[in-house]
Amino acid sequence: MVKALHKAGIEVILDVVFNHTAEGNEQGPTINLRGIANAVYYLLLGEDRQYYLNYSGCGNTIAGSHPIVAKLILECLEWWVKEMHVDGFRFDEMTALSRDEDGRPLKHPPTIWQIELSEALANTKIIAEPWDAGQLYQLSDFPGRWSVWNDRYRDTVRRFVRGDGGYVDGKTLVGRFADVICGSAEIFEPRGGRPTNSINFVTAHDGFTLNDLVSYGDKHNEANGQGNFDGNSNNFSANYGIEGASDDVLIQSLRERQIKNFAAILLLSRGVPMFVMGDEVRRTQCGNNNAYCQDNEISWFDWTLVKRQRGLFRFFKEMIAFRKRHCILHQQSFFTGETNECGLADIAWHGCNLFSPGWDNPDSGILAFTIGGLGNDSDLHVMLNMEHHALDFEIPPVPSRVWRRAIDTARSSPEDIAQSGHEVVEAHDVYRVQEHSVVVLISG
């Protein structure tokens, strides 16, 4: 299978879960590690070692700092690379493996550093989920080439697109939004990192699907049998008028526009974009944001959605192609302010008026920015309006070039995104951006 995927130009990244086993807590079954060397493989309660420290949320925690456990994990990874030729790994709750035998976080966790320094893994992609169920959070603590799931990106983008105001970590929401779409330099640059250390995402296999993120104000996990107490309750979601499925044309239109907004922002952001299969065709889990235990229509993929949602499916495909065409969207360095041949900075920030981004306005739901192209590549001008009414945005002049409209999420398919070479010339100095929409112009 790996060879077939490689032949099709697709890399293979294994999702590995080393932080716990199915043996659970002291009441669980003895399947393997408990019967071999319980005190070696698991973190145990110091005062009464019949009990397990549970930083995984699944009853037990693997003792990642023990040399025998570290050796086991490393040999598994190296075998998968050498024999199965996989291209990388994503580690579930990786911070659980950075704890010592008493559960305290280590400054230089042996398992993490053995992975980092392994010659056999030198060319593999290494991705961490930078938290565990014990509230250990290490977004900026992983070494070198480690990439991490950037939940600050997720939550900030969700809030901005929803139209929230306020402050995030001491900055206005619009200011923090600008940080994360530029690769979260304040997180990764101090450790010598690059934008590629940030795995940008709005949705993942855990949590709401993208359709449900714009269709439900609250989770609906009753079918899981845990009284709706399971799953994350802090989703920054919205239903835009009706909880769940709706036949209202205006609500449906707004929900689809918001999905396109999320997709556009994700693929315009510096860093590594990630989205979930099914989001491109509005797959729903009926508001269930913890559907791992549902082997039924809630978790299955409805292939008829590909045809029924052909317009949105097209938008995602063209958006991916747009990112691939414009190398300035996937640079492996942070913005510096350097100017190109036309005198445009690598990024310049605006609001409705040029060079007036409104960083100090906690209620701002708008932002615009210009990205200067490299060499013969086009410049990009992006306008985002998450307010509840249309607004006029000034367009910057580009010497010897004209702006062409490539994307406008307020328009219906296929006018919402143009194929390469079919962009529409915008001859005016102002562009009216509709409410809850994203517009992208390219120079040429």
Protein backbone atom coordinates (compact mmCIF):
# COMPACT_ATOMS: atom_id res chain seq x y z
CA MET A 1 0.00 0.00 0.00
CA VAL A 2 2.79 2.44 0.88
CA LYS A 3 4.47 1.81 -2.48
CA ALA A 4 1.18 2.40 -4.31
CA LEU A 5 0.61 5.68 -2.48
CA HIS A 6 4.18 6.79 -3.19
CA LYS A 7 3.67 5.99 -6.87
CA ALA A 8 0.65 8.32 -6.81
CA GLY A 9 2.75 11.08 -5.23
CA ILE A 10 1.23 10.70 -1.75
CA GLU A 11 3.35 10.52 1.38
CA VAL A 12 2.34 8.26 4.27
CA ILE A 13 2.34 9.55 7.84
CA LEU A 14 1.34 7.04 10.54
CA ASP A 15 -0.79 8.21 13.45
CA VAL A 16 0.81 6.40 16.40
CA VAL A 17 -0.52 6.13 19.97
CA PHE A 18 2.30 5.24 22.35
CA ASN A 19 0.92 7.10 25.37
CA HIS A 20 -1.42 4.34 26.63
CA THR A 21 -2.56 0.76 25.98
CA ALA A 22 -5.90 -1.06 26.02
CA GLU A 23 -5.05 -2.61 29.40
CA GLY A 24 -6.64 0.39 31.12
CA ASN A 25 -6.42 0.94 34.88
CA GLU A 26 -6.11 -1.61 37.70
CA GLN A 27 -9.52 -3.03 36.78
CA GLY A 28 -8.58 -3.61 33.14
CA PRO A 29 -7.48 -6.85 31.46
CA THR A 30 -3.92 -8.18 31.36
CA ILE A 31 -3.09 -8.37 27.66
CA ASN A 32 0.62 -7.73 27.26
CA LEU A 33 2.77 -5.13 29.03
CA ARG A 34 1.14 -5.50 32.44
CA GLY A 35 2.00 -9.19 32.42
CA ILE A 36 5.57 -8.65 31.21
CA ALA A 37 6.85 -5.83 33.45
CA ASN A 38 4.08 -3.67 34.84
CA ALA A 39 6.35 -1.31 36.78
CA VAL A 40 8.63 -0.79 33.77
CA TYR A 41 6.05 0.04 31.12
CA TYR A 42 3.54 2.10 33.12
CA LEU A 43 3.54 5.16 35.37
CA LEU A 44 2.29 3.99 38.77
CA LEU A 45 1.06 5.84 41.82
CA GLY A 46 4.04 6.27 44.16
CA GLU A 47 2.22 5.54 47.46
CA ASP A 48 0.27 2.53 46.18
CA ARG A 49 1.69 1.04 43.00
CA GLN A 50 -1.33 -1.09 42.21
CA TYR A 51 -2.86 2.12 40.82
CA TYR A 52 -1.98 3.86 37.54
CA LEU A 53 -1.21 7.49 36.79
CA ASN A 54 -3.67 8.46 34.09
CA TYR A 55 -2.33 11.30 31.94
CA SER A 56 -3.77 9.78 28.76
CA GLY A 57 -7.43 9.83 29.75
CA CYS A 58 -7.59 6.11 28.98
CA GLY A 59 -6.75 4.62 32.36
CA ASN A 60 -2.98 4.32 32.15
CA THR A 61 0.12 6.11 30.89
CA ILE A 62 3.16 4.54 29.25
CA ALA A 63 6.43 5.29 31.06
CA GLY A 64 8.06 7.10 28.16
CA SER A 65 11.14 8.13 30.16
CA HIS A 66 12.13 4.54 31.03
CA PRO A 67 15.08 3.38 28.86
CA ILE A 68 13.39 0.07 27.96
CA VAL A 69 10.23 1.87 26.84
CA ALA A 70 12.21 4.47 24.90
CA LYS A 71 14.07 1.65 23.14
CA LEU A 72 10.82 -0.09 22.25
CA ILE A 73 9.30 3.06 20.78
CA LEU A 74 12.40 3.99 18.80
CA GLU A 75 12.77 0.48 17.34
CA CYS A 76 9.13 0.51 16.25
CA LEU A 77 9.55 3.84 14.46
CA GLU A 78 12.81 2.87 12.79
CA TRP A 79 11.36 -0.43 11.60
CA TRP A 80 8.37 1.33 10.03
CA VAL A 81 10.72 3.70 8.21
CA LYS A 82 13.32 1.12 7.10
CA GLU A 83 11.01 -1.77 6.23
CA MET A 84 7.66 -0.14 5.43
CA HIS A 85 9.09 3.12 4.00
CA VAL A 86 6.63 5.41 5.75
CA ASP A 87 7.39 9.13 5.55
CA GLY A 88 6.61 10.28 9.06
CA PHE A 89 4.62 10.00 12.25
CA ARG A 90 1.99 11.93 14.16
CA PHE A 91 2.18 11.22 17.91
CA ASP A 92 -1.03 11.21 19.91
CA GLU A 93 -0.74 13.09 23.25
CA MET A 94 3.03 13.18 22.92
CA THR A 95 3.53 15.23 26.08
CA ALA A 96 2.48 12.18 28.12
CA LEU A 97 5.77 10.57 27.06
CA SER A 98 7.79 13.53 28.32
CA ARG A 99 6.97 12.84 31.99
CA ASP A 100 9.30 11.18 34.49
CA GLU A 101 8.34 8.11 36.54
CA ASP A 102 6.45 10.31 39.03
CA GLY A 103 4.56 12.10 36.25
CA ARG A 104 6.57 15.32 36.32
CA PRO A 105 7.55 16.92 32.98
CA LEU A 106 11.21 16.50 31.98
CA LYS A 107 13.32 19.23 30.41
CA HIS A 108 14.98 16.78 28.01
CA PRO A 109 12.62 13.80 27.64
CA PRO A 110 14.68 10.80 26.45
CA THR A 111 12.12 9.38 24.02
CA ILE A 112 11.59 12.72 22.29
CA TRP A 113 15.31 13.38 21.99
CA GLN A 114 16.12 9.85 20.78
CA ILE A 115 13.58 10.37 17.99
CA GLU A 116 15.08 13.78 17.22
CA LEU A 117 18.65 12.41 17.04
CA SER A 118 18.00 9.07 15.31
CA GLU A 119 19.86 8.84 11.98
CA ALA A 120 17.25 6.41 10.66
CA LEU A 121 14.52 9.01 11.28
CA ALA A 122 16.54 12.01 10.07
CA ASN A 123 14.46 12.51 6.92
CA THR A 124 11.06 11.67 8.37
CA LYS A 125 8.33 14.14 9.26
CA ILE A 126 7.72 14.22 13.00
CA ILE A 127 4.47 15.74 14.31
CA ALA A 128 3.34 15.98 17.94
CA GLU A 129 0.01 16.57 19.57
CA PRO A 130 1.49 18.93 22.19
CA TRP A 131 -0.80 18.16 25.14
CA ASP A 132 -2.11 15.28 27.21
CA ALA A 133 -5.15 14.60 29.38
CA GLY A 134 -3.21 15.68 32.48
CA GLN A 135 -3.16 19.34 31.36
CA LEU A 136 0.49 19.31 30.29
CA TYR A 137 0.79 21.73 27.37
CA GLN A 138 4.04 22.05 25.39
CA LEU A 139 3.26 23.88 22.16
CA SER A 140 6.65 25.59 22.01
CA ASP A 141 8.80 23.03 23.84
CA PHE A 142 9.60 20.43 21.19
CA PRO A 143 13.09 20.44 19.63
CA GLY A 144 14.33 21.21 16.12
CA ARG A 145 12.27 19.80 13.30
CA TRP A 146 9.30 18.68 15.39
CA SER A 147 6.03 20.08 14.07
CA VAL A 148 3.04 20.42 16.36
CA TRP A 149 -0.70 20.65 16.06
CA ASN A 150 -1.25 24.38 16.61
CA ASP A 151 -4.46 24.66 18.61
CA ARG A 152 -3.89 28.39 19.06
CA TYR A 153 -4.28 28.68 15.30
CA ARG A 154 -7.48 26.60 15.45
CA ASP A 155 -9.15 28.58 18.22
CA THR A 156 -8.07 32.01 16.99
CA VAL A 157 -9.27 31.40 13.42
CA ARG A 158 -12.55 29.93 14.67
CA ARG A 159 -13.20 32.97 16.83
CA PHE A 160 -12.27 35.49 14.13
CA VAL A 161 -14.45 33.86 11.47
CA ARG A 162 -17.34 33.59 13.93
CA GLY A 163 -17.08 37.34 14.42
CA ASP A 164 -15.93 37.43 18.04
CA GLY A 165 -14.18 40.38 19.60
CA GLY A 166 -11.99 40.82 22.64
CA TYR A 167 -8.44 39.85 23.48
CA VAL A 168 -6.33 36.69 23.21
CA ASP A 169 -3.17 36.39 25.31
CA GLY A 170 -2.89 40.15 25.72
CA LYS A 171 -3.56 41.04 22.08
CA THR A 172 -6.73 42.00 20.30
CA LEU A 173 -8.30 39.08 18.48
CA VAL A 174 -7.50 40.62 15.09
CA GLY A 175 -3.86 41.05 16.14
CA ARG A 176 -3.59 37.46 17.34
CA PHE A 177 -5.30 36.30 14.13
CA ALA A 178 -2.59 38.05 12.11
CA ASP A 179 0.07 36.24 14.17
CA VAL A 180 -1.27 32.76 13.59
CA ILE A 181 -1.92 33.10 9.86
CA CYS A 182 1.71 34.21 9.49
CA GLY A 183 3.04 30.97 10.98
CA SER A 184 2.96 31.78 14.72
CA ALA A 185 6.47 33.22 14.73
CA GLU A 186 6.21 34.24 18.40
CA ILE A 187 5.87 30.54 19.28
CA PHE A 188 8.34 28.88 16.94
CA GLU A 189 10.96 31.46 15.98
CA PRO A 190 12.54 31.70 19.48
CA ARG A 191 13.42 27.99 19.35
CA GLY A 192 14.98 28.40 15.89
CA GLY A 193 11.89 27.07 14.17
CA ARG A 194 10.14 27.84 10.90
CA PRO A 195 6.51 28.16 9.77
CA THR A 196 6.58 24.45 8.91
CA ASN A 197 6.75 23.70 12.65
CA SER A 198 3.11 24.84 12.79
CA ILE A 199 0.45 22.37 11.68
CA ASN A 200 -2.42 24.75 11.00
CA PHE A 201 -5.90 23.33 11.33
CA VAL A 202 -9.49 24.33 12.00
CA THR A 203 -10.83 20.79 12.46
CA ALA A 204 -9.27 17.40 13.22
CA HIS A 205 -10.52 13.85 13.64
CA ASP A 206 -11.39 14.79 17.23
CA GLY A 207 -14.10 17.43 17.59
CA PHE A 208 -16.67 18.92 15.23
CA THR A 209 -16.54 18.43 11.48
CA LEU A 210 -16.35 21.71 9.57
CA ASN A 211 -20.04 21.43 8.65
CA ASP A 212 -20.99 20.94 12.29
CA LEU A 213 -18.75 23.81 13.38
CA VAL A 214 -21.10 26.16 11.48
CA SER A 215 -24.31 24.23 12.22
CA TYR A 216 -24.29 23.63 15.98
CA GLY A 217 -23.81 25.98 18.90
CA ASP A 218 -23.29 23.07 21.28
CA LYS A 219 -22.08 19.47 21.11
CA HIS A 220 -24.68 16.69 20.91
CA ASN A 221 -22.98 13.52 22.16
CA GLU A 222 -26.00 11.85 23.74
CA ALA A 223 -25.57 8.76 21.52
CA ASN A 224 -22.20 8.10 23.18
CA GLY A 225 -23.94 7.06 26.39
CA GLN A 226 -22.07 9.44 28.70
CA GLY A 227 -24.80 11.98 29.32
CA ASN A 228 -23.26 14.43 26.85
CA PHE A 229 -20.41 15.05 29.33
CA ASP A 230 -17.74 13.65 26.97
CA GLY A 231 -16.05 15.70 24.27
CA ASN A 232 -14.87 19.29 24.33
CA SER A 233 -17.51 21.85 25.33
CA ASN A 234 -15.45 24.86 24.22
CA ASN A 235 -15.73 24.72 20.43
CA PHE A 236 -16.14 28.37 19.30
CA SER A 237 -18.90 27.14 16.99
CA ALA A 238 -22.17 28.75 15.85
CA ASN A 239 -25.43 27.58 14.28
CA TYR A 240 -26.38 30.91 12.62
CA GLY A 241 -30.04 30.71 13.57
CA ILE A 242 -31.12 27.08 13.92
CA GLU A 243 -29.43 24.23 15.78
CA GLY A 244 -28.53 21.49 13.31
CA ALA A 245 -29.81 20.81 9.81
CA SER A 246 -31.88 23.56 8.23
CA ASP A 247 -33.82 24.13 5.01
CA ASP A 248 -33.61 27.90 5.41
CA VAL A 249 -31.90 29.20 2.27
CA LEU A 250 -30.21 32.15 4.01
CA ILE A 251 -28.86 30.01 6.83
CA GLN A 252 -27.58 27.39 4.40
CA SER A 253 -25.91 30.05 2.27
CA LEU A 254 -24.17 31.63 5.26
CA ARG A 255 -22.98 28.25 6.55
CA GLU A 256 -21.47 27.33 3.20
CA ARG A 257 -19.81 30.73 2.95
CA GLN A 258 -18.27 30.27 6.39
CA ILE A 259 -16.94 26.86 5.37
CA LYS A 260 -15.33 28.46 2.32
CA ASN A 261 -13.91 31.21 4.54
CA PHE A 262 -12.26 28.64 6.79
CA ALA A 263 -10.84 26.78 3.79
CA ALA A 264 -9.53 29.97 2.18
CA ILE A 265 -7.88 31.24 5.37
CA LEU A 266 -6.32 27.85 6.10
CA LEU A 267 -4.76 27.60 2.64
CA LEU A 268 -3.62 31.23 2.62
CA SER A 269 -1.82 30.86 5.96
CA ARG A 270 1.90 30.34 6.32
CA GLY A 271 2.59 26.92 7.87
CA VAL A 272 1.38 23.40 7.05
CA PRO A 273 -2.38 23.20 6.37
CA MET A 274 -4.39 20.23 7.58
CA PHE A 275 -8.08 19.48 7.14
CA VAL A 276 -10.26 16.41 7.61
CA MET A 277 -11.54 14.25 4.79
CA GLY A 278 -15.22 15.05 4.41
CA ASP A 279 -15.00 18.73 5.29
CA GLU A 280 -14.79 19.49 1.58
CA VAL A 281 -18.28 18.01 1.07
CA ARG A 282 -19.96 19.04 4.35
CA ARG A 283 -19.81 15.68 6.08
CA THR A 284 -21.78 15.82 9.34
CA GLN A 285 -21.67 13.86 12.59
CA CYS A 286 -25.01 15.42 13.63
CA GLY A 287 -23.31 17.59 16.23
CA ASN A 288 -21.36 14.74 17.85
CA ASN A 289 -17.83 15.97 18.55
CA ASN A 290 -16.53 12.73 20.06
CA ALA A 291 -17.78 10.09 17.63
CA TYR A 292 -14.90 7.61 17.98
CA CYS A 293 -17.30 5.06 19.54
CA GLN A 294 -19.95 5.26 16.79
CA ASP A 295 -19.70 2.63 14.04
CA ASN A 296 -22.78 3.84 12.16
CA GLU A 297 -24.01 6.72 10.01
CA ILE A 298 -22.64 9.24 12.52
CA SER A 299 -19.04 8.28 11.74
CA TRP A 300 -19.37 6.77 8.25
CA PHE A 301 -18.57 8.67 5.04
CA ASP A 302 -21.54 9.31 2.75
CA TRP A 303 -20.06 9.19 -0.75
CA THR A 304 -23.18 10.78 -2.30
CA LEU A 305 -22.01 14.06 -0.72
CA VAL A 306 -19.29 14.36 -3.37
CA LYS A 307 -21.97 14.86 -6.03
CA ARG A 308 -24.45 16.76 -3.88
CA GLN A 309 -21.78 19.22 -2.72
CA ARG A 310 -19.96 19.52 -6.04
CA GLY A 311 -19.66 23.31 -5.80
CA LEU A 312 -17.95 23.24 -2.41
CA PHE A 313 -15.83 20.28 -3.50
CA ARG A 314 -14.68 22.34 -6.48
CA PHE A 315 -13.84 25.28 -4.19
CA PHE A 316 -11.56 23.12 -2.04
CA LYS A 317 -9.80 21.64 -5.08
CA GLU A 318 -9.22 25.05 -6.66
CA MET A 319 -8.11 26.51 -3.33
CA ILE A 320 -5.48 23.78 -2.97
CA ALA A 321 -4.35 24.41 -6.55
CA PHE A 322 -4.19 28.15 -5.84
CA ARG A 323 -1.86 27.57 -2.88
CA LYS A 324 0.37 25.28 -4.92
CA ARG A 325 0.62 27.85 -7.75
CA HIS A 326 1.72 30.70 -5.50
CA CYS A 327 5.02 29.88 -3.84
CA ILE A 328 4.76 32.92 -1.54
CA LEU A 329 2.03 31.04 0.35
CA HIS A 330 4.28 28.16 1.35
CA GLN A 331 7.61 29.77 2.13
CA GLN A 332 9.67 28.11 4.87
CA SER A 333 10.60 31.40 6.51
CA PHE A 334 8.76 34.03 8.52
CA PHE A 335 7.87 37.46 7.14
CA THR A 336 10.62 40.05 7.62
CA GLY A 337 9.35 43.22 5.91
CA GLU A 338 11.74 42.84 2.95
CA THR A 339 10.52 44.46 -0.28
CA ASN A 340 10.38 42.96 -3.76
CA GLU A 341 11.26 44.45 -7.17
CA CYS A 342 8.00 46.42 -7.24
CA GLY A 343 8.66 47.94 -3.84
CA LEU A 344 6.02 45.84 -2.07
CA ALA A 345 6.90 44.43 1.35
CA ASP A 346 6.68 40.68 1.86
CA ILE A 347 3.58 41.55 3.90
CA ALA A 348 1.76 44.83 4.57
CA TRP A 349 -1.32 45.12 6.80
CA HIS A 350 -4.50 47.10 6.15
CA GLY A 351 -8.06 47.57 7.29
CA CYS A 352 -10.73 49.07 5.09
CA ASN A 353 -8.17 51.82 4.58
CA LEU A 354 -4.65 51.05 3.43
CA PHE A 355 -2.03 50.65 6.15
CA SER A 356 -4.65 51.00 8.91
CA PRO A 357 -5.17 47.49 10.27
CA GLY A 358 -6.80 48.53 13.54
CA TRP A 359 -4.60 46.46 15.84
CA ASP A 360 -5.93 48.29 18.91
CA ASN A 361 -9.60 47.69 18.16
CA PRO A 362 -10.86 44.66 20.15
CA ASP A 363 -14.16 44.72 18.24
CA SER A 364 -12.62 44.57 14.77
CA GLY A 365 -13.86 41.83 12.47
CA ILE A 366 -11.91 42.98 9.41
CA LEU A 367 -8.37 42.64 8.14
CA ALA A 368 -6.57 43.01 4.82
CA PHE A 369 -3.00 42.31 3.81
CA THR A 370 -0.79 42.47 0.73
CA ILE A 371 1.89 39.84 0.13
CA GLY A 372 4.64 40.90 -2.26
CA GLY A 373 5.46 38.28 -4.88
CA LEU A 374 8.88 36.76 -5.45
CA GLY A 375 10.47 37.11 -8.90
CA ASN A 376 7.78 36.61 -11.54
CA ASP A 377 5.21 35.36 -9.03
CA SER A 378 2.05 37.41 -8.55
CA ASP A 379 1.45 39.69 -5.62
CA LEU A 380 -1.59 38.85 -3.51
CA HIS A 381 -4.06 41.15 -1.82
CA VAL A 382 -6.41 39.53 0.71
CA MET A 383 -9.48 41.18 2.25
CA LEU A 384 -11.42 39.57 5.11
CA ASN A 385 -14.75 40.90 6.35
CA MET A 386 -16.29 38.97 9.25
CA GLU A 387 -18.63 41.81 10.16
CA HIS A 388 -22.42 41.59 9.66
CA HIS A 389 -22.55 44.08 6.77
CA ALA A 390 -20.69 44.75 3.51
CA LEU A 391 -17.70 47.11 3.60
CA ASP A 392 -15.59 48.96 1.02
CA PHE A 393 -11.87 48.10 1.11
CA GLU A 394 -9.19 50.23 -0.53
CA ILE A 395 -6.93 48.39 -2.97
CA PRO A 396 -3.21 49.24 -3.07
CA PRO A 397 -1.64 50.31 -6.40
CA VAL A 398 0.82 47.92 -8.07
CA PRO A 399 3.16 49.58 -10.58
CA SER A 400 2.85 48.24 -14.13
CA ARG A 401 0.36 45.61 -13.02
CA VAL A 402 -3.40 45.24 -12.55
CA TRP A 403 -5.35 43.41 -9.88
CA ARG A 404 -7.49 40.43 -10.88
CA ARG A 405 -10.12 38.80 -8.71
CA ALA A 406 -9.23 35.18 -7.99
CA ILE A 407 -11.46 34.41 -4.98
CA ASP A 408 -14.65 35.84 -3.51
CA THR A 409 -16.37 33.47 -1.10
CA ALA A 410 -19.60 35.52 -1.23
CA ARG A 411 -20.14 34.49 -4.84
CA SER A 412 -21.79 31.26 -5.91
CA SER A 413 -19.87 28.45 -7.57
CA PRO A 414 -18.08 28.59 -9.97
CA GLU A 415 -17.60 32.37 -9.59
CA ASP A 416 -16.37 31.99 -6.01
CA ILE A 417 -12.92 30.90 -7.20
CA ALA A 418 -11.44 31.26 -10.68
CA GLN A 419 -9.30 28.71 -12.43
CA SER A 420 -5.80 29.85 -13.31
CA GLY A 421 -5.86 32.31 -16.20
CA HIS A 422 -9.56 33.12 -15.77
CA GLU A 423 -9.31 35.72 -13.01
CA VAL A 424 -11.43 38.87 -13.49
CA VAL A 425 -9.72 42.29 -13.82
CA GLU A 426 -10.62 44.73 -11.04
CA ALA A 427 -10.12 48.25 -12.45
CA HIS A 428 -11.30 50.16 -9.37
CA ASP A 429 -9.47 51.50 -6.32
CA VAL A 430 -12.08 50.07 -3.94
CA TYR A 431 -13.62 46.62 -3.62
CA ARG A 432 -16.91 45.99 -1.82
CA VAL A 433 -16.44 42.93 0.37
CA GLN A 434 -19.69 41.31 1.44
CA GLU A 435 -20.35 40.35 5.06
CA HIS A 436 -18.69 37.13 6.27
CA SER A 437 -16.50 36.71 3.22
CA VAL A 438 -12.93 36.50 1.95
CA VAL A 439 -11.66 38.13 -1.25
CA VAL A 440 -8.28 37.50 -2.87
CA LEU A 441 -6.82 39.54 -5.73
CA ILE A 442 -3.71 38.63 -7.69
CA SER A 443 -1.53 41.02 -9.67
CA GLY A 444 -0.58 40.48 -13.27
